[in-house]
Amino acid sequence: VELGKAARSIASDVADASAERGTELADQRTQLASQQQSLLELQDEQKQLRDLLLKEVVASVQNVLTSQLDVLAARMNDSVSLATSTSTAVFDAIGASTASLVATSQATSTACEDVAELGTAWGAATDAVAERVAKAIADNAAIAERCETGKSSVEQPTEQAKAVVLSWAAADGAAVAAIRQTAAKVDEAADAADAHSALQLQCVDAATELANEVQ
């Protein structure tokens, strides 16, 4: 009988302990569920905070990028405008250089033609001078012959010789004038070539300045 009471007492204690342990476990599960809920709420708050922070950061970055892009676009517009104006100036200079080159070529061609004509005229004048000199020599020989033979009619040949000498001097003066005119034409062609070279140098300087500004 005592053994049965002891066994029932032990069983009752075990049941009470089990019930108490079950209550503790239930309380712990309740606390754990509450903690999990709190963690979920905290996680949700952190997510909202991260989303808000991300939006603010993105908005700030977008503002900075927009500002930088606006500045860059303005600089690009200025560079394009400068490049356009400089290119226009360079193209105008190139057009002027081309026109100057054409004019220089035409002037040089004309000067060469003039030189050729003057050379031809000079040659013709020289030939005429040679003929007149030969005639003067022949006339002088005739005059000498007539003087030797005692003829007194030397006035006409003398006048002819004088006319030949004057004609010779005139032809020689024409040749000298032709030489001076040729030299003047050559100087004009050289001046035109110098002007063309200076214009080409200006075109090169303008192109170099444009390249530096675009960089």
N, C-alpha and C. Protein backbone atom coordinates (compact mmCIF):
# COMPACT_ATOMS: atom_id res chain seq x y z
N VAL A 1 0.85 -1.20 0.00
CA VAL A 1 0.00 0.00 0.00
C VAL A 1 0.89 1.26 0.00
N GLU A 2 1.89 1.26 0.84
CA GLU A 2 2.81 2.40 0.88
C GLU A 2 3.52 2.59 -0.46
N LEU A 3 3.87 1.47 -1.07
CA LEU A 3 4.54 1.53 -2.37
C LEU A 3 3.63 2.13 -3.42
N GLY A 4 2.36 1.78 -3.37
CA GLY A 4 1.40 2.32 -4.33
C GLY A 4 1.22 3.82 -4.14
N LYS A 5 1.19 4.24 -2.87
CA LYS A 5 1.06 5.68 -2.62
C LYS A 5 2.28 6.44 -3.13
N ALA A 6 3.42 5.82 -2.87
CA ALA A 6 4.66 6.47 -3.33
C ALA A 6 4.68 6.57 -4.85
N ALA A 7 4.25 5.52 -5.52
CA ALA A 7 4.23 5.53 -6.98
C ALA A 7 3.27 6.58 -7.50
N ARG A 8 2.08 6.66 -6.85
CA ARG A 8 1.11 7.66 -7.30
C ARG A 8 1.63 9.08 -7.05
N SER A 9 2.32 9.22 -5.89
CA SER A 9 2.88 10.53 -5.57
C SER A 9 3.93 10.94 -6.61
N ILE A 10 4.78 9.97 -6.98
CA ILE A 10 5.82 10.24 -8.00
C ILE A 10 5.16 10.57 -9.33
N ALA A 11 4.13 9.78 -9.66
CA ALA A 11 3.44 10.02 -10.93
C ALA A 11 2.79 11.39 -10.93
N SER A 12 2.22 11.80 -9.77
CA SER A 12 1.60 13.11 -9.68
C SER A 12 2.64 14.21 -9.82
N ASP A 13 3.79 13.98 -9.16
CA ASP A 13 4.87 14.98 -9.28
C ASP A 13 5.37 15.10 -10.73
N VAL A 14 5.49 13.93 -11.35
CA VAL A 14 5.94 13.94 -12.75
C VAL A 14 4.93 14.66 -13.63
N ALA A 15 3.64 14.41 -13.38
CA ALA A 15 2.60 15.07 -14.17
C ALA A 15 2.61 16.57 -13.94
N ASP A 16 2.78 16.95 -12.64
CA ASP A 16 2.84 18.39 -12.36
C ASP A 16 4.06 19.04 -13.03
N ALA A 17 5.18 18.32 -12.94
CA ALA A 17 6.41 18.85 -13.56
C ALA A 17 6.25 18.94 -15.08
N SER A 18 5.61 17.91 -15.65
CA SER A 18 5.39 17.93 -17.09
C SER A 18 4.46 19.07 -17.49
N ALA A 19 3.40 19.26 -16.66
CA ALA A 19 2.47 20.34 -16.96
C ALA A 19 3.17 21.70 -16.84
N GLU A 20 4.00 21.83 -15.77
CA GLU A 20 4.73 23.09 -15.61
C GLU A 20 5.71 23.33 -16.76
N ARG A 21 6.39 22.21 -17.14
CA ARG A 21 7.33 22.33 -18.26
C ARG A 21 6.60 22.68 -19.55
N GLY A 22 5.40 22.08 -19.74
CA GLY A 22 4.60 22.38 -20.92
C GLY A 22 4.19 23.84 -20.93
N THR A 23 3.82 24.36 -19.72
CA THR A 23 3.45 25.77 -19.63
C THR A 23 4.64 26.67 -19.98
N GLU A 24 5.82 26.28 -19.44
CA GLU A 24 7.03 27.07 -19.75
C GLU A 24 7.34 27.06 -21.26
N LEU A 25 7.19 25.86 -21.86
CA LEU A 25 7.44 25.75 -23.30
C LEU A 25 6.45 26.59 -24.09
N ALA A 26 5.19 26.58 -23.63
CA ALA A 26 4.17 27.39 -24.31
C ALA A 26 4.51 28.87 -24.19
N ASP A 27 4.94 29.28 -22.95
CA ASP A 27 5.34 30.68 -22.77
C ASP A 27 6.54 31.04 -23.67
N GLN A 28 7.50 30.09 -23.72
CA GLN A 28 8.68 30.34 -24.56
C GLN A 28 8.30 30.44 -26.05
N ARG A 29 7.37 29.58 -26.49
CA ARG A 29 6.93 29.65 -27.88
C ARG A 29 6.22 30.99 -28.15
N THR A 30 5.41 31.41 -27.14
CA THR A 30 4.73 32.69 -27.30
C THR A 30 5.74 33.84 -27.39
N GLN A 31 6.75 33.79 -26.50
CA GLN A 31 7.80 34.82 -26.53
C GLN A 31 8.58 34.77 -27.85
N LEU A 32 8.87 33.54 -28.30
CA LEU A 32 9.60 33.39 -29.55
C LEU A 32 8.79 33.94 -30.73
N ALA A 33 7.48 33.64 -30.72
CA ALA A 33 6.63 34.16 -31.79
C ALA A 33 6.58 35.68 -31.74
N SER A 34 6.53 36.23 -30.51
CA SER A 34 6.52 37.69 -30.37
C SER A 34 7.84 38.29 -30.86
N GLN A 35 8.95 37.63 -30.51
CA GLN A 35 10.25 38.11 -30.98
C GLN A 35 10.35 38.04 -32.51
N GLN A 36 9.84 36.92 -33.06
CA GLN A 36 9.85 36.80 -34.52
C GLN A 36 9.02 37.90 -35.17
N GLN A 37 7.88 38.20 -34.60
CA GLN A 37 7.04 39.26 -35.13
C GLN A 37 7.76 40.61 -35.05
N SER A 38 8.43 40.81 -33.89
CA SER A 38 9.19 42.06 -33.73
C SER A 38 10.31 42.15 -34.75
N LEU A 39 10.98 41.00 -34.97
CA LEU A 39 12.06 40.98 -35.96
C LEU A 39 11.52 41.26 -37.36
N LEU A 40 10.36 40.67 -37.67
CA LEU A 40 9.76 40.93 -38.98
C LEU A 40 9.40 42.40 -39.14
N GLU A 41 8.83 42.98 -38.07
CA GLU A 41 8.49 44.40 -38.13
C GLU A 41 9.75 45.26 -38.29
N LEU A 42 10.81 44.88 -37.52
CA LEU A 42 12.07 45.61 -37.63
C LEU A 42 12.68 45.47 -39.03
N GLN A 43 12.58 44.25 -39.56
CA GLN A 43 13.10 44.02 -40.92
C GLN A 43 12.33 44.86 -41.94
N ASP A 44 11.00 44.94 -41.75
CA ASP A 44 10.19 45.74 -42.66
C ASP A 44 10.55 47.23 -42.54
N GLU A 45 10.76 47.69 -41.28
CA GLU A 45 11.16 49.09 -41.08
C GLU A 45 12.52 49.36 -41.73
N GLN A 46 13.44 48.40 -41.54
CA GLN A 46 14.77 48.57 -42.15
C GLN A 46 14.67 48.59 -43.68
N LYS A 47 13.80 47.73 -44.23
CA LYS A 47 13.61 47.72 -45.68
C LYS A 47 13.07 49.07 -46.16
N GLN A 48 12.06 49.59 -45.44
CA GLN A 48 11.51 50.89 -45.80
C GLN A 48 12.57 51.99 -45.71
N LEU A 49 13.39 51.90 -44.64
CA LEU A 49 14.45 52.88 -44.47
C LEU A 49 15.48 52.78 -45.59
N ARG A 50 15.83 51.55 -45.96
CA ARG A 50 16.77 51.36 -47.05
C ARG A 50 16.20 51.88 -48.37
N ASP A 51 14.91 51.58 -48.60
CA ASP A 51 14.28 52.07 -49.83
C ASP A 51 14.28 53.60 -49.87
N LEU A 52 13.94 54.21 -48.74
CA LEU A 52 13.92 55.67 -48.67
C LEU A 52 15.32 56.25 -48.89
N LEU A 53 16.31 55.63 -48.22
CA LEU A 53 17.68 56.09 -48.37
C LEU A 53 18.16 55.92 -49.81
N LEU A 54 17.79 54.78 -50.42
CA LEU A 54 18.18 54.53 -51.80
C LEU A 54 17.55 55.57 -52.73
N LYS A 55 16.27 55.88 -52.49
CA LYS A 55 15.61 56.90 -53.31
C LYS A 55 16.30 58.25 -53.17
N GLU A 56 16.64 58.61 -51.92
CA GLU A 56 17.32 59.89 -51.70
C GLU A 56 18.68 59.91 -52.38
N VAL A 57 19.41 58.79 -52.25
CA VAL A 57 20.74 58.73 -52.88
C VAL A 57 20.62 58.81 -54.40
N VAL A 58 19.67 58.04 -54.95
CA VAL A 58 19.46 58.06 -56.40
C VAL A 58 19.06 59.45 -56.87
N ALA A 59 18.15 60.09 -56.11
CA ALA A 59 17.73 61.44 -56.49
C ALA A 59 18.90 62.42 -56.44
N SER A 60 19.73 62.29 -55.38
CA SER A 60 20.90 63.17 -55.27
C SER A 60 21.88 62.93 -56.41
N VAL A 61 22.13 61.66 -56.72
CA VAL A 61 23.04 61.33 -57.82
C VAL A 61 22.48 61.84 -59.14
N GLN A 62 21.17 61.67 -59.34
CA GLN A 62 20.54 62.16 -60.57
C GLN A 62 20.68 63.68 -60.69
N ASN A 63 20.49 64.37 -59.56
CA ASN A 63 20.64 65.83 -59.60
C ASN A 63 22.06 66.23 -59.97
N VAL A 64 23.04 65.53 -59.34
CA VAL A 64 24.44 65.84 -59.63
C VAL A 64 24.75 65.54 -61.09
N LEU A 65 24.30 64.35 -61.56
CA LEU A 65 24.55 63.98 -62.95
C LEU A 65 23.87 64.94 -63.92
N THR A 66 22.63 65.33 -63.58
CA THR A 66 21.92 66.28 -64.44
C THR A 66 22.67 67.61 -64.53
N SER A 67 23.14 68.07 -63.36
CA SER A 67 23.90 69.32 -63.34
C SER A 67 25.18 69.20 -64.16
N GLN A 68 25.89 68.09 -63.96
CA GLN A 68 27.13 67.89 -64.72
C GLN A 68 26.86 67.76 -66.21
N LEU A 69 25.78 67.05 -66.56
CA LEU A 69 25.43 66.91 -67.97
C LEU A 69 25.04 68.25 -68.58
N ASP A 70 24.34 69.07 -67.80
CA ASP A 70 23.98 70.40 -68.30
C ASP A 70 25.24 71.24 -68.58
N VAL A 71 26.18 71.18 -67.61
CA VAL A 71 27.45 71.91 -67.80
C VAL A 71 28.20 71.38 -69.02
N LEU A 72 28.24 70.03 -69.13
CA LEU A 72 28.93 69.42 -70.26
C LEU A 72 28.26 69.78 -71.58
N ALA A 73 26.92 69.77 -71.58
CA ALA A 73 26.20 70.13 -72.80
C ALA A 73 26.47 71.59 -73.19
N ALA A 74 26.51 72.47 -72.17
CA ALA A 74 26.81 73.87 -72.47
C ALA A 74 28.21 74.02 -73.05
N ARG A 75 29.17 73.28 -72.45
CA ARG A 75 30.54 73.34 -72.97
C ARG A 75 30.61 72.78 -74.39
N MET A 76 29.88 71.69 -74.62
CA MET A 76 29.87 71.11 -75.96
C MET A 76 29.27 72.08 -76.97
N ASN A 77 28.18 72.75 -76.56
CA ASN A 77 27.58 73.74 -77.46
C ASN A 77 28.55 74.87 -77.78
N ASP A 78 29.26 75.34 -76.71
CA ASP A 78 30.25 76.39 -76.94
C ASP A 78 31.36 75.90 -77.86
N SER A 79 31.81 74.65 -77.61
CA SER A 79 32.89 74.10 -78.45
C SER A 79 32.43 73.94 -79.90
N VAL A 80 31.19 73.46 -80.07
CA VAL A 80 30.67 73.29 -81.43
C VAL A 80 30.53 74.63 -82.13
N SER A 81 30.03 75.63 -81.37
CA SER A 81 29.89 76.96 -81.96
C SER A 81 31.25 77.53 -82.36
N LEU A 82 32.24 77.36 -81.45
CA LEU A 82 33.58 77.85 -81.74
C LEU A 82 34.18 77.11 -82.93
N ALA A 83 33.99 75.77 -82.93
CA ALA A 83 34.54 74.98 -84.04
C ALA A 83 33.87 75.37 -85.35
N THR A 84 32.55 75.62 -85.29
CA THR A 84 31.84 76.01 -86.51
C THR A 84 32.33 77.35 -87.05
N SER A 85 32.44 78.33 -86.12
CA SER A 85 32.91 79.64 -86.56
C SER A 85 34.34 79.58 -87.07
N THR A 86 35.18 78.81 -86.35
CA THR A 86 36.58 78.70 -86.78
C THR A 86 36.67 77.98 -88.12
N SER A 87 35.85 76.91 -88.28
CA SER A 87 35.85 76.19 -89.55
C SER A 87 35.40 77.09 -90.69
N THR A 88 34.39 77.92 -90.41
CA THR A 88 33.94 78.85 -91.44
C THR A 88 35.06 79.81 -91.84
N ALA A 89 35.77 80.30 -90.80
CA ALA A 89 36.89 81.20 -91.09
C ALA A 89 37.97 80.50 -91.90
N VAL A 90 38.24 79.23 -91.51
CA VAL A 90 39.27 78.47 -92.24
C VAL A 90 38.84 78.23 -93.69
N PHE A 91 37.55 77.84 -93.87
CA PHE A 91 37.05 77.61 -95.23
C PHE A 91 37.10 78.89 -96.06
N ASP A 92 36.74 80.02 -95.41
CA ASP A 92 36.82 81.30 -96.12
C ASP A 92 38.26 81.61 -96.51
N ALA A 93 39.18 81.34 -95.54
CA ALA A 93 40.59 81.59 -95.84
C ALA A 93 41.08 80.68 -96.97
N ILE A 94 40.62 79.41 -96.94
CA ILE A 94 41.01 78.48 -98.00
C ILE A 94 40.46 78.95 -99.35
N GLY A 95 39.19 79.42 -99.32
CA GLY A 95 38.62 79.94 -100.57
C GLY A 95 39.39 81.15 -101.08
N ALA A 96 39.75 82.04 -100.14
CA ALA A 96 40.54 83.20 -100.55
C ALA A 96 41.91 82.78 -101.06
N SER A 97 42.48 81.76 -100.38
CA SER A 97 43.79 81.26 -100.83
C SER A 97 43.68 80.67 -102.23
N THR A 98 42.59 79.92 -102.47
CA THR A 98 42.41 79.33 -103.80
C THR A 98 42.26 80.42 -104.86
N ALA A 99 41.44 81.43 -104.53
CA ALA A 99 41.26 82.53 -105.48
C ALA A 99 42.59 83.25 -105.72
N SER A 100 43.35 83.43 -104.61
CA SER A 100 44.66 84.08 -104.77
C SER A 100 45.60 83.24 -105.62
N LEU A 101 45.53 81.91 -105.41
CA LEU A 101 46.39 81.02 -106.20
C LEU A 101 46.03 81.11 -107.69
N VAL A 102 44.70 81.12 -107.96
CA VAL A 102 44.27 81.23 -109.36
C VAL A 102 44.74 82.56 -109.95
N ALA A 103 44.54 83.64 -109.15
CA ALA A 103 44.98 84.95 -109.65
C ALA A 103 46.48 84.99 -109.86
N THR A 104 47.22 84.37 -108.91
CA THR A 104 48.69 84.34 -109.05
C THR A 104 49.10 83.55 -110.28
N SER A 105 48.42 82.41 -110.49
CA SER A 105 48.73 81.60 -111.67
C SER A 105 48.45 82.37 -112.95
N GLN A 106 47.29 83.04 -112.96
CA GLN A 106 46.95 83.83 -114.15
C GLN A 106 47.95 84.95 -114.37
N ALA A 107 48.32 85.64 -113.24
CA ALA A 107 49.28 86.73 -113.37
C ALA A 107 50.63 86.21 -113.85
N THR A 108 51.03 85.04 -113.30
CA THR A 108 52.31 84.45 -113.72
C THR A 108 52.27 84.07 -115.19
N SER A 109 51.13 83.45 -115.61
CA SER A 109 50.99 83.08 -117.01
C SER A 109 51.04 84.30 -117.92
N THR A 110 50.32 85.36 -117.49
CA THR A 110 50.34 86.59 -118.29
C THR A 110 51.74 87.19 -118.35
N ALA A 111 52.43 87.17 -117.18
CA ALA A 111 53.78 87.71 -117.15
C ALA A 111 54.71 86.91 -118.06
N CYS A 112 54.54 85.58 -118.04
CA CYS A 112 55.36 84.74 -118.92
C CYS A 112 55.09 85.04 -120.39
N GLU A 113 53.78 85.20 -120.70
CA GLU A 113 53.45 85.54 -122.08
C GLU A 113 54.04 86.89 -122.48
N ASP A 114 53.94 87.86 -121.52
CA ASP A 114 54.52 89.17 -121.81
C ASP A 114 56.03 89.08 -122.01
N VAL A 115 56.66 88.27 -121.14
CA VAL A 115 58.11 88.09 -121.27
C VAL A 115 58.45 87.48 -122.63
N ALA A 116 57.64 86.47 -123.03
CA ALA A 116 57.89 85.84 -124.33
C ALA A 116 57.72 86.84 -125.47
N GLU A 117 56.64 87.65 -125.38
CA GLU A 117 56.42 88.66 -126.42
C GLU A 117 57.55 89.68 -126.45
N LEU A 118 57.95 90.11 -125.22
CA LEU A 118 59.04 91.09 -125.16
C LEU A 118 60.35 90.49 -125.68
N GLY A 119 60.56 89.21 -125.36
CA GLY A 119 61.76 88.55 -125.88
C GLY A 119 61.74 88.48 -127.39
N THR A 120 60.55 88.16 -127.93
CA THR A 120 60.44 88.12 -129.40
C THR A 120 60.69 89.50 -130.01
N ALA A 121 60.06 90.52 -129.36
CA ALA A 121 60.26 91.89 -129.86
C ALA A 121 61.72 92.30 -129.74
N TRP A 122 62.33 91.90 -128.61
CA TRP A 122 63.74 92.23 -128.41
C TRP A 122 64.60 91.57 -129.49
N GLY A 123 64.29 90.29 -129.76
CA GLY A 123 65.04 89.59 -130.80
C GLY A 123 64.88 90.26 -132.15
N ALA A 124 63.62 90.65 -132.44
CA ALA A 124 63.38 91.33 -133.72
C ALA A 124 64.13 92.65 -133.78
N ALA A 125 64.09 93.39 -132.64
CA ALA A 125 64.81 94.67 -132.61
C ALA A 125 66.30 94.46 -132.77
N THR A 126 66.81 93.40 -132.14
CA THR A 126 68.24 93.10 -132.26
C THR A 126 68.60 92.75 -133.70
N ASP A 127 67.72 91.96 -134.33
CA ASP A 127 67.96 91.64 -135.75
C ASP A 127 67.97 92.91 -136.60
N ALA A 128 67.00 93.79 -136.30
CA ALA A 128 66.93 95.04 -137.07
C ALA A 128 68.19 95.87 -136.84
N VAL A 129 68.65 95.89 -135.58
CA VAL A 129 69.88 96.63 -135.28
C VAL A 129 71.05 96.04 -136.04
N ALA A 130 71.13 94.70 -136.07
CA ALA A 130 72.23 94.05 -136.78
C ALA A 130 72.19 94.39 -138.27
N GLU A 131 70.96 94.37 -138.83
CA GLU A 131 70.84 94.71 -140.25
C GLU A 131 71.28 96.15 -140.50
N ARG A 132 70.84 97.04 -139.58
CA ARG A 132 71.17 98.44 -139.77
C ARG A 132 72.68 98.68 -139.56
N VAL A 133 73.26 97.96 -138.62
CA VAL A 133 74.71 98.07 -138.43
C VAL A 133 75.45 97.60 -139.68
N ALA A 134 74.99 96.46 -140.23
CA ALA A 134 75.63 95.96 -141.45
C ALA A 134 75.49 96.96 -142.60
N LYS A 135 74.25 97.53 -142.68
CA LYS A 135 74.04 98.53 -143.73
C LYS A 135 74.92 99.75 -143.50
N ALA A 136 75.05 100.16 -142.22
CA ALA A 136 75.90 101.32 -141.91
C ALA A 136 77.35 101.04 -142.26
N ILE A 137 77.79 99.82 -141.96
CA ILE A 137 79.17 99.45 -142.32
C ILE A 137 79.36 99.50 -143.83
N ALA A 138 78.35 98.94 -144.53
CA ALA A 138 78.45 98.96 -146.00
C ALA A 138 78.44 100.38 -146.52
N ASP A 139 77.54 101.23 -145.92
CA ASP A 139 77.48 102.62 -146.36
C ASP A 139 78.79 103.35 -146.06
N ASN A 140 79.35 103.08 -144.88
CA ASN A 140 80.63 103.71 -144.53
C ASN A 140 81.73 103.26 -145.49
N ALA A 141 81.68 101.97 -145.85
CA ALA A 141 82.67 101.47 -146.82
C ALA A 141 82.51 102.17 -148.16
N ALA A 142 81.23 102.35 -148.54
CA ALA A 142 80.98 103.05 -149.81
C ALA A 142 81.46 104.49 -149.75
N ILE A 143 81.22 105.12 -148.57
CA ILE A 143 81.67 106.51 -148.41
C ILE A 143 83.19 106.59 -148.49
N ALA A 144 83.84 105.66 -147.82
CA ALA A 144 85.31 105.65 -147.85
C ALA A 144 85.82 105.45 -149.28
N GLU A 145 85.13 104.54 -149.98
CA GLU A 145 85.55 104.28 -151.37
C GLU A 145 85.39 105.52 -152.22
N ARG A 146 84.26 106.21 -152.01
CA ARG A 146 84.03 107.42 -152.79
C ARG A 146 85.04 108.52 -152.44
N CYS A 147 85.37 108.59 -151.16
CA CYS A 147 86.37 109.59 -150.76
C CYS A 147 87.73 109.29 -151.39
N GLU A 148 88.05 108.02 -151.43
CA GLU A 148 89.33 107.63 -152.00
C GLU A 148 89.37 107.93 -153.49
N THR A 149 88.28 107.78 -154.16
CA THR A 149 88.25 108.02 -155.61
C THR A 149 88.07 109.50 -155.92
N GLY A 150 87.99 110.32 -154.89
CA GLY A 150 87.92 111.76 -155.10
C GLY A 150 86.52 112.28 -155.33
N LYS A 151 85.54 111.45 -155.14
CA LYS A 151 84.17 111.93 -155.34
C LYS A 151 83.77 112.82 -154.18
N SER A 152 83.11 113.87 -154.47
CA SER A 152 82.70 114.82 -153.43
C SER A 152 81.25 114.65 -152.99
N SER A 153 80.52 113.82 -153.67
CA SER A 153 79.08 113.67 -153.33
C SER A 153 78.92 112.64 -152.19
N VAL A 154 79.29 113.09 -151.02
CA VAL A 154 79.22 112.18 -149.85
C VAL A 154 78.15 112.62 -148.85
N GLU A 155 77.45 113.72 -149.18
CA GLU A 155 76.48 114.22 -148.20
C GLU A 155 75.31 113.25 -147.99
N GLN A 156 74.80 112.72 -149.11
CA GLN A 156 73.65 111.81 -148.97
C GLN A 156 74.01 110.54 -148.20
N PRO A 157 75.09 109.84 -148.52
CA PRO A 157 75.46 108.66 -147.71
C PRO A 157 75.70 109.00 -146.25
N THR A 158 76.26 110.22 -146.02
CA THR A 158 76.51 110.61 -144.62
C THR A 158 75.20 110.76 -143.86
N GLU A 159 74.21 111.40 -144.50
CA GLU A 159 72.89 111.53 -143.87
C GLU A 159 72.26 110.16 -143.64
N GLN A 160 72.44 109.27 -144.60
CA GLN A 160 71.90 107.91 -144.43
C GLN A 160 72.57 107.20 -143.26
N ALA A 161 73.88 107.37 -143.15
CA ALA A 161 74.59 106.74 -142.02
C ALA A 161 74.11 107.32 -140.69
N LYS A 162 73.89 108.66 -140.67
CA LYS A 162 73.39 109.29 -139.46
C LYS A 162 72.02 108.73 -139.07
N ALA A 163 71.14 108.58 -140.10
CA ALA A 163 69.80 108.03 -139.84
C ALA A 163 69.88 106.60 -139.30
N VAL A 164 70.84 105.83 -139.88
CA VAL A 164 71.00 104.45 -139.41
C VAL A 164 71.44 104.43 -137.95
N VAL A 165 72.38 105.32 -137.60
CA VAL A 165 72.86 105.37 -136.20
C VAL A 165 71.73 105.75 -135.26
N LEU A 166 70.92 106.76 -135.65
CA LEU A 166 69.78 107.16 -134.81
C LEU A 166 68.78 106.03 -134.67
N SER A 167 68.50 105.33 -135.77
CA SER A 167 67.58 104.20 -135.72
C SER A 167 68.12 103.10 -134.82
N TRP A 168 69.42 102.88 -134.91
CA TRP A 168 70.07 101.88 -134.04
C TRP A 168 69.89 102.25 -132.56
N ALA A 169 70.10 103.54 -132.23
CA ALA A 169 69.93 103.99 -130.85
C ALA A 169 68.49 103.81 -130.38
N ALA A 170 67.52 104.12 -131.27
CA ALA A 170 66.11 103.95 -130.90
C ALA A 170 65.78 102.49 -130.64
N ALA A 171 66.29 101.60 -131.52
CA ALA A 171 66.04 100.17 -131.33
C ALA A 171 66.66 99.68 -130.03
N ASP A 172 67.87 100.17 -129.74
CA ASP A 172 68.52 99.76 -128.50
C ASP A 172 67.73 100.26 -127.29
N GLY A 173 67.17 101.50 -127.38
CA GLY A 173 66.34 102.01 -126.29
C GLY A 173 65.09 101.16 -126.10
N ALA A 174 64.48 100.71 -127.20
CA ALA A 174 63.31 99.83 -127.10
C ALA A 174 63.67 98.52 -126.42
N ALA A 175 64.86 98.00 -126.74
CA ALA A 175 65.29 96.76 -126.11
C ALA A 175 65.48 96.95 -124.61
N VAL A 176 66.09 98.08 -124.20
CA VAL A 176 66.28 98.37 -122.77
C VAL A 176 64.93 98.50 -122.07
N ALA A 177 63.98 99.19 -122.70
CA ALA A 177 62.64 99.33 -122.11
C ALA A 177 61.97 97.97 -121.96
N ALA A 178 62.16 97.09 -122.95
CA ALA A 178 61.59 95.74 -122.86
C ALA A 178 62.19 94.97 -121.69
N ILE A 179 63.51 95.13 -121.50
CA ILE A 179 64.16 94.45 -120.36
C ILE A 179 63.59 94.96 -119.04
N ARG A 180 63.42 96.27 -118.90
CA ARG A 180 62.88 96.83 -117.66
C ARG A 180 61.45 96.38 -117.42
N GLN A 181 60.65 96.34 -118.48
CA GLN A 181 59.26 95.88 -118.34
C GLN A 181 59.22 94.41 -117.93
N THR A 182 60.12 93.62 -118.50
CA THR A 182 60.19 92.20 -118.11
C THR A 182 60.53 92.05 -116.64
N ALA A 183 61.51 92.84 -116.16
CA ALA A 183 61.89 92.79 -114.74
C ALA A 183 60.72 93.18 -113.85
N ALA A 184 59.94 94.20 -114.26
CA ALA A 184 58.77 94.62 -113.47
C ALA A 184 57.74 93.51 -113.40
N LYS A 185 57.49 92.81 -114.53
CA LYS A 185 56.54 91.70 -114.54
C LYS A 185 57.00 90.58 -113.60
N VAL A 186 58.30 90.29 -113.64
CA VAL A 186 58.84 89.24 -112.76
C VAL A 186 58.67 89.64 -111.29
N ASP A 187 58.91 90.93 -110.96
CA ASP A 187 58.72 91.40 -109.58
C ASP A 187 57.27 91.27 -109.16
N GLU A 188 56.31 91.61 -110.06
CA GLU A 188 54.89 91.47 -109.73
C GLU A 188 54.53 90.01 -109.46
N ALA A 189 55.05 89.09 -110.27
CA ALA A 189 54.78 87.67 -110.06
C ALA A 189 55.35 87.20 -108.72
N ALA A 190 56.56 87.69 -108.36
CA ALA A 190 57.17 87.31 -107.08
C ALA A 190 56.35 87.84 -105.91
N ASP A 191 55.86 89.11 -106.01
CA ASP A 191 55.01 89.67 -104.94
C ASP A 191 53.74 88.86 -104.78
N ALA A 192 53.11 88.46 -105.89
CA ALA A 192 51.88 87.65 -105.83
C ALA A 192 52.16 86.30 -105.18
N ALA A 193 53.30 85.69 -105.51
CA ALA A 193 53.66 84.40 -104.90
C ALA A 193 53.89 84.56 -103.40
N ASP A 194 54.55 85.67 -102.98
CA ASP A 194 54.76 85.92 -101.54
C ASP A 194 53.43 86.09 -100.82
N ALA A 195 52.49 86.82 -101.42
CA ALA A 195 51.17 87.01 -100.80
C ALA A 195 50.45 85.68 -100.66
N HIS A 196 50.55 84.84 -101.70
CA HIS A 196 49.91 83.52 -101.63
C HIS A 196 50.51 82.66 -100.52
N SER A 197 51.84 82.70 -100.38
CA SER A 197 52.50 81.93 -99.32
C SER A 197 52.06 82.41 -97.94
N ALA A 198 51.96 83.74 -97.75
CA ALA A 198 51.51 84.28 -96.47
C ALA A 198 50.09 83.84 -96.16
N LEU A 199 49.21 83.82 -97.17
CA LEU A 199 47.83 83.39 -96.96
C LEU A 199 47.75 81.91 -96.60
N GLN A 200 48.61 81.11 -97.25
CA GLN A 200 48.65 79.68 -96.90
C GLN A 200 49.09 79.48 -95.46
N LEU A 201 50.08 80.26 -95.01
CA LEU A 201 50.52 80.17 -93.61
C LEU A 201 49.39 80.55 -92.67
N GLN A 202 48.59 81.56 -93.02
CA GLN A 202 47.44 81.92 -92.18
C GLN A 202 46.44 80.79 -92.10
N CYS A 203 46.21 80.07 -93.22
CA CYS A 203 45.29 78.92 -93.23
C CYS A 203 45.81 77.82 -92.30
N VAL A 204 47.11 77.56 -92.37
CA VAL A 204 47.70 76.52 -91.51
C VAL A 204 47.57 76.90 -90.04
N ASP A 205 47.85 78.21 -89.71
CA ASP A 205 47.72 78.66 -88.33
C ASP A 205 46.28 78.54 -87.85
N ALA A 206 45.31 78.89 -88.70
CA ALA A 206 43.89 78.79 -88.31
C ALA A 206 43.49 77.34 -88.08
N ALA A 207 43.94 76.41 -88.94
CA ALA A 207 43.63 74.99 -88.77
C ALA A 207 44.24 74.44 -87.49
N THR A 208 45.48 74.87 -87.18
CA THR A 208 46.14 74.43 -85.93
C THR A 208 45.39 74.94 -84.72
N GLU A 209 44.97 76.21 -84.75
CA GLU A 209 44.21 76.79 -83.64
C GLU A 209 42.89 76.06 -83.45
N LEU A 210 42.22 75.71 -84.54
CA LEU A 210 40.96 74.96 -84.46
C LEU A 210 41.18 73.59 -83.82
N ALA A 211 42.23 72.89 -84.23
CA ALA A 211 42.52 71.57 -83.66
C ALA A 211 42.78 71.67 -82.17
N ASN A 212 43.54 72.71 -81.73
CA ASN A 212 43.84 72.89 -80.31
C ASN A 212 42.58 73.19 -79.52
N GLU A 213 41.68 74.02 -80.06
CA GLU A 213 40.46 74.38 -79.35
C GLU A 213 39.51 73.19 -79.25
N VAL A 214 39.44 72.37 -80.27
CA VAL A 214 38.56 71.18 -80.23
C VAL A 214 39.05 70.19 -79.20
N GLN A 215 40.40 70.03 -79.06
CA GLN A 215 40.95 69.14 -78.04
C GLN A 215 40.66 69.68 -76.65
